[in-house]
Amino acid sequence: TMSQAVRERIGELGVLKAQHPGAAVLVLRRTRPAAERPYRVPFYPALPSLYVLFCAAFVVNSFREKPVESLAGLGIVLLGIPVYRRFHRTVS
């Protein structure tokens, strides 16, 4: 059904969220080379780069396979931004 397909796409779009740490490692190591490194990244920069590319390919494939459901899932995910900002403002 459509609702099940949208739920699946939301889960797949969660990969976008998982992609951020890999991208952050690449960006921060380039923009702040002297910063303290609390952990080592094996095979840097190859491993984080491959991870970011794999995540991007996964999302692109999701949109290619089921564009309508993926857009609906993306819309639902994006609806969370104003909700987050609202609660973040009241808690802070």
C-alpha atoms as a PDB file:
ATOM      1  CA  THR A   1       0.000   0.000   0.000  1.00  0.00           C
ATOM      2  CA  MET A   2       0.979   3.633  -0.333  1.00  0.00           C
ATOM      3  CA  SER A   3       1.376   4.205   3.421  1.00  0.00           C
ATOM      4  CA  GLN A   4       3.686   1.205   3.749  1.00  0.00           C
ATOM      5  CA  ALA A   5       5.767   2.410   0.795  1.00  0.00           C
ATOM      6  CA  VAL A   6       6.045   5.897   2.319  1.00  0.00           C
ATOM      7  CA  ARG A   7       7.140   4.403   5.658  1.00  0.00           C
ATOM      8  CA  GLU A   8       9.807   2.401   3.841  1.00  0.00           C
ATOM      9  CA  ARG A   9      11.033   5.535   2.054  1.00  0.00           C
ATOM     10  CA  ILE A  10      11.205   7.435   5.356  1.00  0.00           C
ATOM     11  CA  GLY A  11      13.439   4.686   6.689  1.00  0.00           C
ATOM     12  CA  GLU A  12      15.598   4.858   3.594  1.00  0.00           C
ATOM     13  CA  LEU A  13      15.838   8.626   3.922  1.00  0.00           C
ATOM     14  CA  GLY A  14      17.184   8.043   7.415  1.00  0.00           C
ATOM     15  CA  VAL A  15      20.387   7.245   5.555  1.00  0.00           C
ATOM     16  CA  LEU A  16      20.693  11.002   4.977  1.00  0.00           C
ATOM     17  CA  LYS A  17      20.925  11.428   8.725  1.00  0.00           C
ATOM     18  CA  ALA A  18      23.475   8.640   8.987  1.00  0.00           C
ATOM     19  CA  GLN A  19      25.542  10.272   6.255  1.00  0.00           C
ATOM     20  CA  HIS A  20      26.269  13.380   8.342  1.00  0.00           C
ATOM     21  CA  PRO A  21      28.988  11.920  10.599  1.00  0.00           C
ATOM     22  CA  GLY A  22      30.982  10.693   7.621  1.00  0.00           C
ATOM     23  CA  ALA A  23      30.713  14.062   5.922  1.00  0.00           C
ATOM     24  CA  ALA A  24      31.552  15.842   9.175  1.00  0.00           C
ATOM     25  CA  VAL A  25      34.771  13.862   9.547  1.00  0.00           C
ATOM     26  CA  LEU A  26      35.825  14.881   6.044  1.00  0.00           C
ATOM     27  CA  VAL A  27      34.910  18.555   6.482  1.00  0.00           C
ATOM     28  CA  LEU A  28      36.312  19.029   9.971  1.00  0.00           C
ATOM     29  CA  ARG A  29      39.595  17.316   9.234  1.00  0.00           C
ATOM     30  CA  ARG A  30      40.045  19.643   6.290  1.00  0.00           C
ATOM     31  CA  THR A  31      38.857  22.887   7.923  1.00  0.00           C
ATOM     32  CA  ARG A  32      40.381  22.270  11.372  1.00  0.00           C
ATOM     33  CA  PRO A  33      43.530  20.220  10.854  1.00  0.00           C
ATOM     34  CA  ALA A  34      44.994  21.176  14.252  1.00  0.00           C
ATOM     35  CA  ALA A  35      41.917  20.211  16.296  1.00  0.00           C
ATOM     36  CA  GLU A  36      42.158  17.404  18.830  1.00  0.00           C
ATOM     37  CA  ARG A  37      41.077  14.023  17.474  1.00  0.00           C
ATOM     38  CA  PRO A  38      39.394  11.929  20.178  1.00  0.00           C
ATOM     39  CA  TYR A  39      39.281   8.913  17.865  1.00  0.00           C
ATOM     40  CA  ARG A  40      41.057   7.627  14.798  1.00  0.00           C
ATOM     41  CA  VAL A  41      39.287   6.945  11.536  1.00  0.00           C
ATOM     42  CA  PRO A  42      40.713   3.864   9.822  1.00  0.00           C
ATOM     43  CA  PHE A  43      41.701   4.305   6.179  1.00  0.00           C
ATOM     44  CA  TYR A  44      41.004   8.053   6.229  1.00  0.00           C
ATOM     45  CA  PRO A  45      39.997   9.652   3.828  1.00  0.00           C
ATOM     46  CA  ALA A  46      38.988   6.630   1.730  1.00  0.00           C
ATOM     47  CA  LEU A  47      36.591   5.002   4.208  1.00  0.00           C
ATOM     48  CA  PRO A  48      34.545   8.113   5.125  1.00  0.00           C
ATOM     49  CA  SER A  49      34.434   9.136   1.451  1.00  0.00           C
ATOM     50  CA  LEU A  50      33.150   5.729   0.393  1.00  0.00           C
ATOM     51  CA  TYR A  51      30.580   5.817   3.190  1.00  0.00           C
ATOM     52  CA  VAL A  52      29.263   9.219   2.088  1.00  0.00           C
ATOM     53  CA  LEU A  53      29.135   8.104  -1.550  1.00  0.00           C
ATOM     54  CA  PHE A  54      27.347   4.856  -0.640  1.00  0.00           C
ATOM     55  CA  CYS A  55      24.731   6.752   1.381  1.00  0.00           C
ATOM     56  CA  ALA A  56      24.192   9.227  -1.452  1.00  0.00           C
ATOM     57  CA  ALA A  57      23.810   6.393  -3.974  1.00  0.00           C
ATOM     58  CA  PHE A  58      21.299   4.697  -1.686  1.00  0.00           C
ATOM     59  CA  VAL A  59      19.153   7.846  -1.507  1.00  0.00           C
ATOM     60  CA  VAL A  60      19.420   8.518  -5.254  1.00  0.00           C
ATOM     61  CA  ASN A  61      18.369   4.939  -5.966  1.00  0.00           C
ATOM     62  CA  SER A  62      15.402   5.312  -3.633  1.00  0.00           C
ATOM     63  CA  PHE A  63      14.203   8.354  -5.586  1.00  0.00           C
ATOM     64  CA  ARG A  64      14.842   6.626  -8.903  1.00  0.00           C
ATOM     65  CA  GLU A  65      12.951   3.466  -7.937  1.00  0.00           C
ATOM     66  CA  LYS A  66       9.903   5.096  -6.323  1.00  0.00           C
ATOM     67  CA  PRO A  67       9.935   8.863  -6.854  1.00  0.00           C
ATOM     68  CA  VAL A  68       6.416   9.626  -5.611  1.00  0.00           C
ATOM     69  CA  GLU A  69       6.783   7.664  -2.389  1.00  0.00           C
ATOM     70  CA  SER A  70      10.283   9.056  -1.845  1.00  0.00           C
ATOM     71  CA  LEU A  71       9.052  12.631  -2.227  1.00  0.00           C
ATOM     72  CA  ALA A  72       6.222  11.908   0.201  1.00  0.00           C
ATOM     73  CA  GLY A  73       8.711  10.425   2.654  1.00  0.00           C
ATOM     74  CA  LEU A  74      11.029  13.412   2.233  1.00  0.00           C
ATOM     75  CA  GLY A  75       8.097  15.743   2.860  1.00  0.00           C
ATOM     76  CA  ILE A  76       7.263  13.954   6.087  1.00  0.00           C
ATOM     77  CA  VAL A  77      10.894  14.095   7.195  1.00  0.00           C
ATOM     78  CA  LEU A  78      11.068  17.815   6.363  1.00  0.00           C
ATOM     79  CA  LEU A  79       7.906  18.444   8.380  1.00  0.00           C
ATOM     80  CA  GLY A  80       9.966  17.457  11.401  1.00  0.00           C
ATOM     81  CA  ILE A  81      12.190  20.543  11.045  1.00  0.00           C
ATOM     82  CA  PRO A  82       9.614  23.079  12.293  1.00  0.00           C
ATOM     83  CA  VAL A  83       8.577  20.665  15.046  1.00  0.00           C
ATOM     84  CA  TYR A  84      12.207  20.316  16.147  1.00  0.00           C
ATOM     85  CA  ARG A  85      12.736  24.070  16.115  1.00  0.00           C
ATOM     86  CA  ARG A  86       9.579  24.657  18.105  1.00  0.00           C
ATOM     87  CA  PHE A  87      10.534  22.168  20.829  1.00  0.00           C
ATOM     88  CA  HIS A  88      14.183  23.199  20.801  1.00  0.00           C
ATOM     89  CA  ARG A  89      13.178  26.808  21.405  1.00  0.00           C
ATOM     90  CA  THR A  90      10.875  25.953  24.310  1.00  0.00           C
ATOM     91  CA  VAL A  91      13.401  23.656  26.008  1.00  0.00           C
ATOM     92  CA  SER A  92      16.387  26.022  25.704  1.00  0.00           C
END
